């Protein structure tokens, strides 16, 4: 896991997310992280990907079905908005 991926992981407090959602993380590129999870969420969402846009210093979040179809794509997200957006799109409160 590189520095960008580690930062994303820490910004969403992934230990709490992992404890609540279960699942696992994969690292498809050096600027993104994909979270596949077991919990039931809205709109049949089964995974989300957080992508860091280094030029803008912002993030994008993509929400996928189990088949890999994009359910929603949220652009221009600040670091402090990551958890809030993930919670609202999943319909789950992941804060203990």
Protein backbone atom coordinates (compact mmCIF):
# COMPACT_ATOMS: atom_id res chain seq x y z
CA UNK A 1 0.00 0.00 0.00
CA UNK A 2 1.54 3.31 -1.05
CA UNK A 3 1.26 6.70 0.68
CA UNK A 4 -1.87 7.85 -1.21
CA UNK A 5 -3.68 4.58 -0.52
CA UNK A 6 -2.65 4.68 3.15
CA UNK A 7 -4.00 8.24 3.44
CA UNK A 8 -7.35 7.24 1.89
CA UNK A 9 -7.51 4.27 4.25
CA UNK A 10 -6.87 6.46 7.30
CA UNK A 11 -9.27 9.24 6.22
CA UNK A 12 -12.27 6.94 6.27
CA UNK A 13 -11.07 5.28 9.49
CA UNK A 14 -11.02 1.96 7.73
CA UNK A 15 -10.59 -0.18 10.85
CA UNK A 16 -14.07 0.95 11.93
CA UNK A 17 -15.42 0.50 8.41
CA UNK A 18 -13.94 -2.99 8.20
CA UNK A 19 -15.39 -3.96 11.58
CA UNK A 20 -18.83 -2.78 10.55
CA UNK A 21 -19.04 -3.75 6.88
CA UNK A 22 -16.72 -6.71 6.72
CA UNK A 23 -15.27 -7.42 3.31
CA UNK A 24 -11.87 -6.60 1.95
CA UNK A 25 -9.84 -3.94 0.22
CA UNK A 26 -8.11 -4.17 -3.14
CA UNK A 27 -5.64 -1.77 -4.70
CA UNK A 28 -6.32 -1.49 -8.45
CA UNK A 29 -4.01 1.47 -9.06
CA UNK A 30 -1.59 3.62 -7.12
CA UNK A 31 -4.25 6.35 -6.55
CA UNK A 32 -7.33 4.35 -5.66
CA UNK A 33 -8.72 1.84 -3.22
CA UNK A 34 -11.74 -0.46 -3.71
CA UNK A 35 -13.79 -1.69 -0.76
CA UNK A 36 -15.92 -4.80 -1.27
CA UNK A 37 -18.21 -5.55 1.64
CA UNK A 38 -20.75 -7.98 3.00
CA UNK A 39 -23.33 -5.70 4.64
CA UNK A 40 -26.62 -4.89 2.90
CA UNK A 41 -26.75 -1.40 1.48
CA UNK A 42 -29.09 0.71 -0.62
CA UNK A 43 -29.48 0.23 -4.36
CA UNK A 44 -27.71 -3.17 -4.27
CA UNK A 45 -24.36 -1.44 -3.72
CA UNK A 46 -21.73 -4.03 -2.88
CA UNK A 47 -18.51 -2.12 -3.35
CA UNK A 48 -17.15 1.37 -3.62
CA UNK A 49 -13.96 2.82 -5.01
CA UNK A 50 -12.25 5.96 -3.78
CA UNK A 51 -9.99 7.60 -6.35
CA UNK A 52 -7.61 10.44 -5.51
CA UNK A 53 -7.27 13.22 -8.09
CA UNK A 54 -3.83 14.62 -7.33
CA UNK A 55 -4.16 17.67 -9.61
CA UNK A 56 -7.27 18.93 -7.84
CA UNK A 57 -6.46 17.45 -4.40
CA UNK A 58 -9.97 15.99 -4.37
CA UNK A 59 -11.52 12.53 -4.45
CA UNK A 60 -14.07 10.67 -6.54
CA UNK A 61 -16.24 7.89 -5.15
CA UNK A 62 -17.75 5.24 -7.40
CA UNK A 63 -20.42 2.88 -6.09
CA UNK A 64 -20.83 -0.51 -7.81
CA UNK A 65 -23.21 -3.47 -7.83
CA UNK A 66 -21.91 -6.99 -7.29
CA UNK A 67 -21.59 -7.32 -11.09
CA UNK A 68 -19.41 -4.22 -11.32
CA UNK A 69 -22.05 -1.89 -12.78
CA UNK A 70 -21.67 1.71 -11.63
CA UNK A 71 -24.65 2.78 -9.50
CA UNK A 72 -23.40 6.26 -8.74
CA UNK A 73 -20.31 8.40 -9.35
CA UNK A 74 -19.64 11.30 -6.96
CA UNK A 75 -16.96 13.78 -8.04
CA UNK A 76 -15.15 16.67 -6.34
CA UNK A 77 -15.18 15.26 -2.80
CA UNK A 78 -13.05 16.77 -0.04
CA UNK A 79 -11.31 14.44 2.43
CA UNK A 80 -13.57 15.44 5.30
CA UNK A 81 -16.64 14.52 3.22
CA UNK A 82 -15.62 10.93 2.43
CA UNK A 83 -17.28 9.16 5.37
CA UNK A 84 -20.43 11.29 5.21
CA UNK A 85 -20.97 10.55 1.52
CA UNK A 86 -20.21 6.85 1.90
CA UNK A 87 -22.66 6.58 4.80
CA UNK A 88 -25.40 8.45 2.96
CA UNK A 89 -25.07 6.43 -0.25
CA UNK A 90 -24.90 3.10 1.55
CA UNK A 91 -27.70 3.99 3.95
CA UNK A 92 -25.54 2.73 6.80
CA UNK A 93 -24.07 4.51 9.79
CA UNK A 94 -20.49 3.31 10.03
CA UNK A 95 -19.47 5.55 12.92
CA UNK A 96 -19.32 3.87 16.33
